[in-house]
Amino acid sequence: MFSNKTVFFDTPFAKINLNLRLIGKRRDGYHNLDTVFYRVNLCDQLLLIKQPRGFSLECSEPTLSGTSNLIYTAFRLLQKKIRKKLGVSVLLHKQIPMQAGLGGGSSDAASFLRGMNRLHRLGLSNTQLRQIGGQLGADVPFFVTNWSAARGTGRGDIMRKLSLNKDLYVVLVTFSRGLSTKKVFERYKYGPFLPKLTKVSADATMLSSYFEHYRLGALSKLLKNDLKPFAVKEYPSILQVLKKMQEAGIRACSMSGSGPTVFGIVKSHSAARRVQAKLQMRLRGCQIWITSGI
């Protein structure tokens, strides 16, 4: 039998970006952004079994088994940080669609870092884990915090915790084919005017207030994603799904992350079920999820 000293189990949750504004390109090649992360209760399952040394990973998605994945990269960075040999066997069951703009891989990697810290008693602080996570991707530090919602700035790794209500429901529409974040960012070109920081900051504050007070009509005007036009060039179906969502009665809808997942926010589970039924009749080749905050 395993004990809690040798096993770590977690359910890494997905996220949506309620907004995503790009402020400018950094010297290191990344982009400065301003975003509001919100966790939803669509999740993977992660099991870590402590070993004396070595790494192995088995996944329900065969392409992720072995060492060609973000979890293995996290393992290597962790070993480099603490300068000693670690060992773990990883079992991962995927449910969050891959390359969907939902942060599934980032969430898995963040859970892995937290689990290794506990199993091997590494004594790393959340700040140190976020720093390691930041080397893996812009979303990882948010998942390391285990917060329900946060505003991310910098590369997305500078965060301020937000208290957003969890009573609203989020309808997700995902596609059978994913979309490469790198490819979307490569398409991204700044227009003649970048968004002003003061305006972006004010919008994020209002967005949080409207979300908290169920003002979905007002919220709809603030769900801005600067990557959407460039994701649409790669994946034109995004616009069709947004249109169908609006026709199904959702006022507050947008695209999450670098896409292609589209989300819509409604006030009740019954409303979410009605929207889901309408979309299932009108969309083909998509999966429709009803989720809520976590």
Protein backbone atom coordinates (compact mmCIF):
# COMPACT_ATOMS: atom_id res chain seq x y z
CA MET A 1 0.00 0.00 0.00
CA PHE A 2 1.09 3.54 -0.75
CA SER A 3 1.07 6.26 1.92
CA ASN A 4 0.57 10.00 1.56
CA LYS A 5 4.33 10.31 2.03
CA THR A 6 5.02 8.45 -1.21
CA VAL A 7 2.02 9.42 -3.33
CA PHE A 8 0.59 12.75 -4.45
CA PHE A 9 -2.78 12.98 -6.24
CA ASP A 10 -4.22 16.16 -7.73
CA THR A 11 -6.84 17.38 -10.20
CA PRO A 12 -5.22 20.14 -12.30
CA PHE A 13 -7.98 22.52 -13.38
CA ALA A 14 -8.35 24.48 -16.60
CA LYS A 15 -8.60 28.27 -16.86
CA ILE A 16 -10.13 30.82 -19.15
CA ASN A 17 -8.82 34.32 -19.81
CA LEU A 18 -11.66 36.75 -19.20
CA ASN A 19 -9.56 39.28 -21.06
CA LEU A 20 -6.15 39.21 -22.71
CA ARG A 21 -4.45 42.48 -23.70
CA LEU A 22 -0.97 42.65 -25.22
CA ILE A 23 0.95 45.74 -24.12
CA GLY A 24 4.20 45.38 -26.06
CA LYS A 25 7.11 43.11 -26.88
CA ARG A 26 9.88 42.56 -24.35
CA ARG A 27 13.63 42.43 -24.94
CA ASP A 28 13.61 38.72 -24.10
CA GLY A 29 11.27 38.07 -27.03
CA TYR A 30 8.15 37.50 -24.93
CA HIS A 31 5.17 39.85 -24.75
CA ASN A 32 4.00 42.00 -21.88
CA LEU A 33 0.35 41.31 -21.26
CA ASP A 34 -2.50 42.11 -18.93
CA THR A 35 -5.01 39.33 -18.34
CA VAL A 36 -7.62 38.08 -15.89
CA PHE A 37 -7.31 34.34 -15.20
CA TYR A 38 -10.36 32.41 -13.96
CA ARG A 39 -10.20 28.71 -13.04
CA VAL A 40 -13.03 26.42 -14.12
CA ASN A 41 -13.86 22.91 -12.95
CA LEU A 42 -12.77 21.03 -16.03
CA CYS A 43 -9.74 19.02 -14.92
CA ASP A 44 -7.13 16.36 -15.59
CA GLN A 45 -6.01 13.78 -13.02
CA LEU A 46 -2.39 13.56 -11.91
CA LEU A 47 -0.79 10.88 -9.74
CA LEU A 48 2.86 11.06 -8.61
CA ILE A 49 4.58 8.06 -7.02
CA LYS A 50 7.86 8.85 -5.30
CA GLN A 51 10.90 6.93 -6.51
CA PRO A 52 14.56 6.99 -5.40
CA ARG A 53 15.60 8.39 -8.78
CA GLY A 54 14.59 8.57 -12.43
CA PHE A 55 11.51 9.75 -14.31
CA SER A 56 8.68 7.97 -16.10
CA LEU A 57 5.33 9.19 -17.36
CA GLU A 58 2.31 7.28 -18.60
CA CYS A 59 -0.57 9.28 -20.05
CA SER A 60 -4.01 8.54 -21.44
CA GLU A 61 -2.91 10.69 -24.39
CA PRO A 62 -0.08 8.58 -25.91
CA THR A 63 1.72 11.55 -27.48
CA LEU A 64 2.42 12.91 -23.97
CA SER A 65 3.92 9.74 -22.50
CA GLY A 66 7.67 9.62 -21.97
CA THR A 67 9.80 12.77 -21.90
CA SER A 68 8.35 14.92 -24.71
CA ASN A 69 6.09 17.01 -22.49
CA LEU A 70 6.01 19.98 -20.12
CA ILE A 71 6.02 17.82 -17.00
CA TYR A 72 9.40 16.35 -17.93
CA THR A 73 10.74 19.85 -18.57
CA ALA A 74 9.48 20.81 -15.10
CA PHE A 75 11.29 17.79 -13.66
CA ARG A 76 14.56 18.83 -15.28
CA LEU A 77 14.24 22.44 -14.08
CA LEU A 78 13.46 21.26 -10.55
CA GLN A 79 16.54 19.05 -10.48
CA LYS A 80 18.66 21.93 -11.73
CA LYS A 81 17.25 24.22 -9.05
CA ILE A 82 17.89 21.93 -6.08
CA ARG A 83 21.03 20.24 -7.50
CA LYS A 84 20.23 16.70 -6.46
CA LYS A 85 18.78 13.57 -8.02
CA LEU A 86 15.03 13.12 -7.77
CA GLY A 87 12.78 10.25 -8.74
CA VAL A 88 9.11 9.97 -9.68
CA SER A 89 6.62 7.91 -11.67
CA VAL A 90 3.82 10.02 -13.18
CA LEU A 91 0.36 8.84 -14.23
CA LEU A 92 -1.67 11.47 -16.09
CA HIS A 93 -5.25 11.18 -17.28
CA LYS A 94 -6.13 13.96 -19.74
CA GLN A 95 -9.56 15.49 -20.02
CA ILE A 96 -8.68 19.13 -20.72
CA PRO A 97 -8.29 19.39 -24.50
CA MET A 98 -4.74 20.05 -25.67
CA GLN A 99 -3.68 23.27 -27.45
CA ALA A 100 -7.09 24.70 -26.60
CA GLY A 101 -6.22 27.94 -24.79
CA LEU A 102 -7.34 26.40 -21.50
CA GLY A 103 -3.91 25.95 -19.92
CA GLY A 104 -4.14 22.18 -19.47
CA GLY A 105 -0.43 21.49 -19.93
CA SER A 106 0.51 24.44 -17.72
CA SER A 107 -1.88 23.28 -15.00
CA ASP A 108 -0.44 19.75 -15.12
CA ALA A 109 3.10 21.12 -14.81
CA ALA A 110 2.14 23.37 -11.88
CA SER A 111 0.51 20.47 -10.02
CA PHE A 112 3.62 18.40 -10.70
CA LEU A 113 5.87 21.09 -9.16
CA ARG A 114 3.68 21.33 -6.05
CA GLY A 115 3.55 17.54 -5.76
CA MET A 116 7.31 17.07 -6.08
CA ASN A 117 7.88 19.80 -3.52
CA ARG A 118 5.69 17.89 -1.05
CA LEU A 119 6.83 14.32 -1.81
CA HIS A 120 10.54 15.09 -1.70
CA ARG A 121 10.25 17.69 1.06
CA LEU A 122 12.16 20.23 -0.98
CA GLY A 123 11.04 23.19 1.12
CA LEU A 124 10.56 25.48 -1.88
CA SER A 125 8.31 28.48 -1.32
CA ASN A 126 5.40 29.36 -3.61
CA THR A 127 7.51 32.24 -4.92
CA GLN A 128 10.31 29.84 -5.86
CA LEU A 129 7.85 27.44 -7.49
CA ARG A 130 6.34 30.32 -9.48
CA GLN A 131 9.81 31.33 -10.65
CA ILE A 132 10.44 27.80 -11.91
CA GLY A 133 6.98 27.71 -13.45
CA GLY A 134 7.62 31.00 -15.25
CA GLN A 135 10.39 29.29 -17.21
CA LEU A 136 7.85 26.77 -18.48
CA GLY A 137 5.15 29.15 -19.67
CA ALA A 138 3.22 32.31 -18.87
CA ASP A 139 0.22 30.43 -17.40
CA VAL A 140 2.16 28.14 -15.05
CA PRO A 141 2.71 30.67 -12.20
CA PHE A 142 -1.05 31.24 -11.97
CA PHE A 143 -1.70 27.53 -11.54
CA VAL A 144 1.11 27.20 -9.00
CA THR A 145 -0.68 29.71 -6.74
CA ASN A 146 -3.80 27.50 -6.75
CA TRP A 147 -5.95 30.66 -6.72
CA SER A 148 -9.43 30.76 -8.24
CA ALA A 149 -8.79 34.01 -10.09
CA ALA A 150 -5.99 36.49 -10.58
CA ARG A 151 -4.90 39.41 -12.68
CA GLY A 152 -1.64 38.66 -14.48
CA THR A 153 0.79 41.25 -15.80
CA GLY A 154 4.36 41.14 -17.11
CA ARG A 155 4.56 37.87 -19.03
CA GLY A 156 1.49 36.82 -17.03
CA ASP A 157 3.65 35.75 -14.11
CA ILE A 158 3.21 38.87 -11.95
CA MET A 159 -0.10 38.29 -10.23
CA ARG A 160 -2.61 39.87 -7.95
CA LYS A 161 -5.24 37.64 -6.41
CA LEU A 162 -8.86 38.40 -7.32
CA SER A 163 -12.00 37.32 -5.49
CA LEU A 164 -14.49 36.61 -8.26
CA ASN A 165 -17.74 34.82 -7.50
CA LYS A 166 -18.08 31.18 -8.49
CA ASP A 167 -21.85 31.22 -8.97
CA LEU A 168 -21.78 32.03 -12.68
CA TYR A 169 -21.57 29.24 -15.24
CA VAL A 170 -19.15 29.05 -18.15
CA VAL A 171 -20.08 27.20 -21.35
CA LEU A 172 -16.97 26.05 -23.21
CA VAL A 173 -16.86 25.08 -26.87
CA THR A 174 -13.72 23.13 -27.78
CA PHE A 175 -12.61 21.77 -31.12
CA SER A 176 -11.21 18.44 -32.26
CA ARG A 177 -8.04 20.14 -33.50
CA GLY A 178 -5.87 22.37 -31.32
CA LEU A 179 -4.09 25.60 -32.14
CA SER A 180 -0.41 26.32 -31.57
CA THR A 181 0.19 29.24 -29.21
CA LYS A 182 3.51 29.89 -30.91
CA LYS A 183 1.86 30.08 -34.34
CA VAL A 184 -0.75 32.57 -33.13
CA PHE A 185 1.88 34.81 -31.55
CA GLU A 186 3.95 34.63 -34.73
CA ARG A 187 0.95 36.01 -36.63
CA TYR A 188 0.40 38.77 -34.08
CA LYS A 189 1.34 42.24 -35.34
CA TYR A 190 0.93 45.38 -33.31
CA GLY A 191 -1.27 48.06 -34.79
CA PRO A 192 -0.31 51.74 -34.83
CA PHE A 193 -1.64 52.19 -31.30
CA LEU A 194 -0.99 49.93 -28.35
CA PRO A 195 -3.62 49.89 -25.59
CA LYS A 196 -2.91 52.44 -22.87
CA LEU A 197 -1.95 50.91 -19.54
CA THR A 198 -4.32 53.16 -17.62
CA LYS A 199 -7.25 52.12 -19.83
CA VAL A 200 -6.34 48.43 -19.63
CA SER A 201 -6.06 48.67 -15.84
CA ALA A 202 -9.42 50.43 -15.55
CA ASP A 203 -11.05 47.84 -17.81
CA ALA A 204 -9.69 44.98 -15.67
CA THR A 205 -11.08 46.62 -12.53
CA MET A 206 -14.51 47.15 -14.10
CA LEU A 207 -14.49 43.62 -15.51
CA SER A 208 -13.97 42.19 -12.02
CA SER A 209 -16.79 44.35 -10.65
CA TYR A 210 -19.25 43.43 -13.43
CA PHE A 211 -18.39 39.74 -13.07
CA GLU A 212 -18.91 39.91 -9.31
CA HIS A 213 -22.31 41.60 -9.66
CA TYR A 214 -23.66 39.47 -12.55
CA ARG A 215 -23.75 42.40 -14.99
CA LEU A 216 -23.22 40.29 -18.07
CA GLY A 217 -24.39 42.91 -20.56
CA ALA A 218 -21.78 45.37 -19.35
CA LEU A 219 -19.22 42.58 -18.97
CA SER A 220 -19.55 41.63 -22.63
CA LYS A 221 -17.88 44.88 -23.73
CA LEU A 222 -14.78 44.13 -21.64
CA LEU A 223 -14.11 40.55 -22.74
CA LYS A 224 -11.33 41.58 -25.11
CA ASN A 225 -8.71 39.26 -26.52
CA ASP A 226 -6.00 40.85 -28.65
CA LEU A 227 -5.02 37.45 -30.08
CA LYS A 228 -8.47 36.63 -31.45
CA PRO A 229 -8.07 38.17 -34.95
CA PHE A 230 -4.84 36.22 -35.45
CA ALA A 231 -6.23 32.97 -34.07
CA VAL A 232 -9.19 33.36 -36.45
CA LYS A 233 -6.79 33.48 -39.42
CA GLU A 234 -5.59 30.03 -38.39
CA TYR A 235 -9.00 28.80 -37.27
CA PRO A 236 -11.94 30.64 -38.97
CA SER A 237 -14.49 28.43 -37.15
CA ILE A 238 -13.91 30.53 -34.00
CA LEU A 239 -16.05 33.34 -35.47
CA GLN A 240 -18.81 30.90 -36.40
CA VAL A 241 -18.94 29.54 -32.85
CA LEU A 242 -19.01 33.04 -31.33
CA LYS A 243 -21.91 33.92 -33.61
CA LYS A 244 -23.79 30.74 -32.67
CA MET A 245 -23.23 31.47 -28.97
CA GLN A 246 -24.73 34.92 -29.36
CA GLU A 247 -27.68 33.47 -31.30
CA ALA A 248 -28.15 30.97 -28.46
CA GLY A 249 -28.62 33.87 -26.04
CA ILE A 250 -25.16 34.40 -24.55
CA ARG A 251 -24.26 38.06 -24.27
CA ALA A 252 -20.84 37.66 -22.62
CA CYS A 253 -18.63 35.46 -24.79
CA SER A 254 -15.06 35.50 -26.07
CA MET A 255 -12.06 33.32 -26.92
CA SER A 256 -9.74 31.99 -24.21
CA GLY A 257 -5.97 32.42 -24.39
CA SER A 258 -4.52 31.88 -27.85
CA GLY A 259 -7.60 29.84 -28.80
CA PRO A 260 -9.37 28.13 -30.25
CA THR A 261 -11.72 27.49 -27.27
CA VAL A 262 -14.68 29.85 -27.09
CA PHE A 263 -16.48 30.52 -23.82
CA GLY A 264 -19.77 32.09 -22.81
CA ILE A 265 -20.91 33.19 -19.34
CA VAL A 266 -24.46 32.69 -18.06
CA LYS A 267 -26.16 33.15 -14.68
CA SER A 268 -27.55 29.68 -13.96
CA HIS A 269 -27.02 26.01 -14.64
CA SER A 270 -30.42 25.79 -16.33
CA ALA A 271 -29.44 28.61 -18.69
CA ALA A 272 -26.18 26.80 -19.43
CA ARG A 273 -28.10 23.59 -20.23
CA ARG A 274 -30.40 25.48 -22.63
CA VAL A 275 -27.41 27.01 -24.41
CA GLN A 276 -25.65 23.66 -24.56
CA ALA A 277 -28.70 22.03 -26.17
CA LYS A 278 -28.98 24.78 -28.80
CA LEU A 279 -25.30 24.65 -29.64
CA GLN A 280 -25.31 20.86 -29.94
CA MET A 281 -27.97 21.19 -32.67
CA ARG A 282 -26.10 23.95 -34.51
CA LEU A 283 -22.43 22.94 -34.25
CA ARG A 284 -20.64 19.90 -35.61
CA GLY A 285 -17.18 18.68 -34.68
CA CYS A 286 -17.18 20.52 -31.36
CA GLN A 287 -17.44 19.49 -27.73
CA ILE A 288 -19.59 21.60 -25.41
CA TRP A 289 -18.85 21.68 -21.69
CA ILE A 290 -20.72 23.25 -18.79
CA THR A 291 -18.32 24.45 -16.14
CA SER A 292 -18.19 26.85 -13.21
CA GLY A 293 -15.57 28.57 -11.09
CA ILE A 294 -13.49 26.53 -8.69
